């Protein structure tokens, strides 16, 4: 089994520079950092605190909420697709038996 290679990628989030190590494409890591940076900047405009840690926690909660909503939507889509496949399979089976 081959070991994954990791690379360091420099990203800037909310005015601070971080060196992120990972096995993902550096451009992908930069894109993730841009999303976090944008979310933190949006939140900082809506709150009175200047505490970066609190802003980061609020951003994490926002991103997590978005993730959970996407998961919930996907699960609903899976159920709907499964029901449709079952319906179509039944119709196909009925047609083939004629």
N, C-alpha and C. Protein backbone atom coordinates (compact mmCIF):
# COMPACT_ATOMS: atom_id res chain seq x y z
N UNK A 1 0.85 -1.17 0.00
CA UNK A 1 0.00 0.00 0.00
C UNK A 1 0.89 1.23 0.00
N UNK A 2 0.67 2.13 -0.95
CA UNK A 2 1.49 3.32 -1.09
C UNK A 2 1.08 4.37 -0.07
N UNK A 3 2.08 5.05 0.48
CA UNK A 3 1.80 6.12 1.44
C UNK A 3 1.35 7.36 0.68
N UNK A 4 0.42 8.09 1.27
CA UNK A 4 -0.04 9.32 0.65
C UNK A 4 1.00 10.40 0.88
N UNK A 5 1.23 11.19 -0.15
CA UNK A 5 2.16 12.30 0.02
C UNK A 5 1.40 13.52 0.48
N UNK A 6 2.00 14.24 1.40
CA UNK A 6 1.37 15.46 1.89
C UNK A 6 2.19 16.65 1.43
N UNK A 7 1.49 17.73 1.20
CA UNK A 7 2.15 18.96 0.82
C UNK A 7 1.66 20.08 1.73
N UNK A 8 2.50 21.09 1.90
CA UNK A 8 2.11 22.25 2.70
C UNK A 8 1.58 23.32 1.75
N UNK A 9 0.46 23.88 2.12
CA UNK A 9 -0.16 24.93 1.32
C UNK A 9 -0.39 26.13 2.22
N UNK A 10 0.01 27.28 1.75
CA UNK A 10 -0.19 28.51 2.52
C UNK A 10 -1.56 29.08 2.18
N UNK A 11 -2.35 29.34 3.22
CA UNK A 11 -3.66 29.93 3.05
C UNK A 11 -3.81 31.09 4.02
N UNK A 12 -4.70 32.00 3.68
CA UNK A 12 -4.99 33.13 4.57
C UNK A 12 -6.47 33.08 4.94
N UNK A 13 -6.70 33.11 6.25
CA UNK A 13 -8.07 33.11 6.76
C UNK A 13 -8.20 34.22 7.78
N UNK A 14 -9.08 35.15 7.49
CA UNK A 14 -9.40 36.24 8.41
C UNK A 14 -8.14 36.99 8.85
N UNK A 15 -7.26 37.23 7.87
CA UNK A 15 -6.06 38.02 8.11
C UNK A 15 -4.88 37.26 8.66
N UNK A 16 -5.03 35.99 8.95
CA UNK A 16 -3.93 35.19 9.47
C UNK A 16 -3.49 34.17 8.42
N UNK A 17 -2.19 33.95 8.34
CA UNK A 17 -1.65 33.00 7.37
C UNK A 17 -1.41 31.67 8.07
N UNK A 18 -1.85 30.60 7.42
CA UNK A 18 -1.69 29.26 7.95
C UNK A 18 -1.00 28.40 6.90
N UNK A 19 -0.17 27.48 7.38
CA UNK A 19 0.46 26.49 6.51
C UNK A 19 -0.26 25.18 6.77
N UNK A 20 -1.08 24.78 5.83
CA UNK A 20 -1.93 23.61 5.97
C UNK A 20 -1.27 22.45 5.24
N UNK A 21 -1.12 21.34 5.96
CA UNK A 21 -0.55 20.14 5.35
C UNK A 21 -1.69 19.18 5.05
N UNK A 22 -1.62 18.59 3.87
CA UNK A 22 -2.65 17.63 3.52
C UNK A 22 -2.33 16.92 2.23
N UNK A 23 -3.10 15.89 1.95
CA UNK A 23 -2.88 15.13 0.72
C UNK A 23 -3.82 15.59 -0.39
N UNK A 24 -4.54 16.66 -0.15
CA UNK A 24 -5.45 17.22 -1.16
C UNK A 24 -4.69 18.19 -2.06
N UNK A 25 -5.28 18.45 -3.20
CA UNK A 25 -4.75 19.42 -4.15
C UNK A 25 -4.64 20.78 -3.45
N UNK A 26 -3.51 21.46 -3.57
CA UNK A 26 -3.35 22.76 -2.92
C UNK A 26 -4.45 23.77 -3.30
N UNK A 27 -4.91 23.71 -4.53
CA UNK A 27 -5.97 24.62 -4.96
C UNK A 27 -7.27 24.33 -4.22
N UNK A 28 -7.53 23.07 -3.96
CA UNK A 28 -8.72 22.67 -3.20
C UNK A 28 -8.62 23.22 -1.78
N UNK A 29 -7.45 23.10 -1.16
CA UNK A 29 -7.26 23.63 0.19
C UNK A 29 -7.44 25.15 0.22
N UNK A 30 -6.97 25.82 -0.80
CA UNK A 30 -7.15 27.28 -0.88
C UNK A 30 -8.64 27.63 -1.01
N UNK A 31 -9.35 26.84 -1.79
CA UNK A 31 -10.78 27.07 -1.96
C UNK A 31 -11.52 26.89 -0.63
N UNK A 32 -11.16 25.86 0.12
CA UNK A 32 -11.75 25.66 1.45
C UNK A 32 -11.47 26.85 2.35
N UNK A 33 -10.23 27.32 2.31
CA UNK A 33 -9.84 28.46 3.15
C UNK A 33 -10.63 29.71 2.74
N UNK A 34 -10.88 29.89 1.45
CA UNK A 34 -11.65 31.04 0.99
C UNK A 34 -13.08 31.00 1.52
N UNK A 35 -13.65 29.81 1.58
CA UNK A 35 -15.01 29.66 2.11
C UNK A 35 -15.03 30.02 3.59
N UNK A 36 -14.07 29.50 4.35
CA UNK A 36 -14.00 29.80 5.78
C UNK A 36 -13.77 31.29 5.99
N UNK A 37 -12.86 31.86 5.22
CA UNK A 37 -12.56 33.29 5.34
C UNK A 37 -13.81 34.12 5.06
N UNK A 38 -14.52 33.79 4.00
CA UNK A 38 -15.74 34.54 3.65
C UNK A 38 -16.79 34.41 4.74
N UNK A 39 -16.95 33.21 5.27
CA UNK A 39 -17.95 33.00 6.32
C UNK A 39 -17.58 33.81 7.57
N UNK A 40 -16.30 33.80 7.93
CA UNK A 40 -15.88 34.56 9.11
C UNK A 40 -16.06 36.06 8.89
N UNK A 41 -15.77 36.53 7.71
CA UNK A 41 -15.94 37.96 7.42
C UNK A 41 -17.43 38.35 7.46
N UNK A 42 -18.28 37.50 6.92
CA UNK A 42 -19.73 37.75 6.97
C UNK A 42 -20.20 37.83 8.42
N UNK A 43 -19.78 36.89 9.23
CA UNK A 43 -20.20 36.85 10.62
C UNK A 43 -19.66 38.05 11.38
N UNK A 44 -18.42 38.43 11.11
CA UNK A 44 -17.83 39.56 11.84
C UNK A 44 -18.59 40.86 11.58
N UNK A 45 -19.27 40.94 10.44
CA UNK A 45 -20.07 42.12 10.11
C UNK A 45 -21.40 42.14 10.89
N UNK A 46 -21.79 40.97 11.39
CA UNK A 46 -23.10 40.83 12.04
C UNK A 46 -23.03 40.80 13.57
N UNK A 47 -21.83 40.69 14.13
CA UNK A 47 -21.68 40.60 15.58
C UNK A 47 -20.85 41.77 16.09
N UNK A 48 -20.93 41.99 17.40
CA UNK A 48 -20.19 43.11 17.98
C UNK A 48 -18.81 42.69 18.49
N UNK A 49 -18.58 41.38 18.62
CA UNK A 49 -17.31 40.91 19.16
C UNK A 49 -16.19 41.03 18.12
N UNK A 50 -15.00 41.23 18.62
CA UNK A 50 -13.82 41.21 17.74
C UNK A 50 -12.95 39.99 18.06
N UNK A 51 -13.46 39.14 18.94
CA UNK A 51 -12.76 37.92 19.35
C UNK A 51 -12.76 36.93 18.18
N UNK A 52 -11.59 36.73 17.61
CA UNK A 52 -11.46 35.86 16.44
C UNK A 52 -11.92 34.43 16.74
N UNK A 53 -11.63 33.94 17.92
CA UNK A 53 -12.04 32.58 18.27
C UNK A 53 -13.56 32.45 18.28
N UNK A 54 -14.25 33.43 18.81
CA UNK A 54 -15.71 33.39 18.83
C UNK A 54 -16.27 33.46 17.41
N UNK A 55 -15.67 34.29 16.59
CA UNK A 55 -16.11 34.40 15.19
C UNK A 55 -15.87 33.07 14.47
N UNK A 56 -14.73 32.43 14.75
CA UNK A 56 -14.42 31.14 14.13
C UNK A 56 -15.42 30.07 14.57
N UNK A 57 -15.81 30.09 15.85
CA UNK A 57 -16.79 29.12 16.35
C UNK A 57 -18.14 29.34 15.68
N UNK A 58 -18.55 30.60 15.55
CA UNK A 58 -19.81 30.89 14.87
C UNK A 58 -19.76 30.45 13.41
N UNK A 59 -18.61 30.67 12.76
CA UNK A 59 -18.46 30.23 11.37
C UNK A 59 -18.54 28.70 11.29
N UNK A 60 -17.91 28.01 12.24
CA UNK A 60 -17.95 26.55 12.26
C UNK A 60 -19.38 26.06 12.44
N UNK A 61 -20.13 26.72 13.32
CA UNK A 61 -21.53 26.34 13.52
C UNK A 61 -22.35 26.56 12.25
N UNK A 62 -22.09 27.66 11.56
CA UNK A 62 -22.80 27.95 10.31
C UNK A 62 -22.48 26.90 9.25
N UNK A 63 -21.22 26.57 9.09
CA UNK A 63 -20.81 25.60 8.08
C UNK A 63 -21.36 24.22 8.44
N UNK A 64 -21.35 23.88 9.72
CA UNK A 64 -21.88 22.59 10.16
C UNK A 64 -23.38 22.51 9.91
N UNK A 65 -24.09 23.60 10.17
CA UNK A 65 -25.53 23.63 9.88
C UNK A 65 -25.77 23.39 8.39
N UNK A 66 -24.98 24.04 7.56
CA UNK A 66 -25.11 23.86 6.11
C UNK A 66 -24.85 22.40 5.72
N UNK A 67 -23.83 21.79 6.31
CA UNK A 67 -23.51 20.40 6.04
C UNK A 67 -24.67 19.49 6.46
N UNK A 68 -25.22 19.71 7.65
CA UNK A 68 -26.32 18.89 8.13
C UNK A 68 -27.55 19.05 7.24
N UNK A 69 -27.84 20.27 6.79
CA UNK A 69 -28.97 20.49 5.89
C UNK A 69 -28.77 19.74 4.57
N UNK A 70 -27.54 19.76 4.06
CA UNK A 70 -27.25 19.02 2.81
C UNK A 70 -27.42 17.53 3.01
N UNK A 71 -26.94 17.01 4.13
CA UNK A 71 -27.09 15.58 4.42
C UNK A 71 -28.57 15.21 4.52
N UNK A 72 -29.35 16.04 5.18
CA UNK A 72 -30.77 15.79 5.34
C UNK A 72 -31.46 15.78 3.97
N UNK A 73 -31.10 16.72 3.12
CA UNK A 73 -31.66 16.79 1.77
C UNK A 73 -31.28 15.56 0.96
N UNK A 74 -30.00 15.14 1.07
CA UNK A 74 -29.56 13.96 0.34
C UNK A 74 -30.31 12.71 0.80
N UNK A 75 -30.53 12.59 2.11
CA UNK A 75 -31.26 11.43 2.61
C UNK A 75 -32.69 11.42 2.06
N UNK A 76 -33.32 12.59 2.04
CA UNK A 76 -34.66 12.69 1.46
C UNK A 76 -34.66 12.32 -0.01
N UNK A 77 -33.63 12.77 -0.73
CA UNK A 77 -33.51 12.43 -2.14
C UNK A 77 -33.32 10.92 -2.32
N UNK A 78 -32.51 10.30 -1.46
CA UNK A 78 -32.29 8.85 -1.55
C UNK A 78 -33.60 8.09 -1.37
N UNK A 79 -34.38 8.49 -0.38
CA UNK A 79 -35.66 7.82 -0.13
C UNK A 79 -36.57 7.98 -1.34
N UNK A 80 -36.64 9.19 -1.88
CA UNK A 80 -37.48 9.44 -3.05
C UNK A 80 -37.03 8.61 -4.25
N UNK A 81 -35.74 8.53 -4.47
CA UNK A 81 -35.20 7.75 -5.59
C UNK A 81 -35.50 6.27 -5.40
N UNK A 82 -35.32 5.78 -4.17
CA UNK A 82 -35.59 4.37 -3.89
C UNK A 82 -37.06 4.05 -4.16
N UNK A 83 -37.97 4.93 -3.73
CA UNK A 83 -39.39 4.72 -3.97
C UNK A 83 -39.70 4.71 -5.46
N UNK A 84 -39.08 5.63 -6.21
CA UNK A 84 -39.32 5.71 -7.65
C UNK A 84 -38.79 4.47 -8.36
N UNK A 85 -37.61 4.00 -7.96
CA UNK A 85 -37.04 2.80 -8.57
C UNK A 85 -37.93 1.60 -8.30
N UNK A 86 -38.43 1.50 -7.06
CA UNK A 86 -39.33 0.39 -6.72
C UNK A 86 -40.59 0.45 -7.58
N UNK A 87 -41.14 1.64 -7.73
CA UNK A 87 -42.35 1.81 -8.55
C UNK A 87 -42.07 1.42 -10.00
N UNK A 88 -40.99 1.92 -10.57
CA UNK A 88 -40.66 1.62 -11.97
C UNK A 88 -40.36 0.15 -12.18
N UNK A 89 -39.67 -0.47 -11.22
CA UNK A 89 -39.37 -1.90 -11.32
C UNK A 89 -40.67 -2.71 -11.31
N UNK A 90 -41.61 -2.29 -10.47
CA UNK A 90 -42.91 -2.97 -10.42
C UNK A 90 -43.65 -2.82 -11.74
N UNK A 91 -43.64 -1.62 -12.30
CA UNK A 91 -44.32 -1.40 -13.59
C UNK A 91 -43.66 -2.20 -14.69
N UNK A 92 -42.34 -2.25 -14.69
CA UNK A 92 -41.60 -3.00 -15.70
C UNK A 92 -41.91 -4.49 -15.58
N UNK A 93 -41.90 -4.98 -14.37
CA UNK A 93 -42.19 -6.39 -14.14
C UNK A 93 -43.61 -6.72 -14.60
N UNK A 94 -44.56 -5.82 -14.30
CA UNK A 94 -45.94 -6.03 -14.74
C UNK A 94 -46.05 -6.04 -16.25
N UNK A 95 -45.32 -5.16 -16.90
CA UNK A 95 -45.34 -5.08 -18.36
C UNK A 95 -44.73 -6.32 -18.98
N UNK A 96 -43.63 -6.81 -18.41
CA UNK A 96 -42.95 -7.99 -18.95
C UNK A 96 -43.76 -9.27 -18.77
N UNK A 97 -44.62 -9.29 -17.77
CA UNK A 97 -45.43 -10.50 -17.51
C UNK A 97 -46.64 -10.57 -18.42
N UNK A 98 -46.94 -9.52 -19.14
CA UNK A 98 -48.12 -9.52 -20.03
C UNK A 98 -47.87 -10.31 -21.29
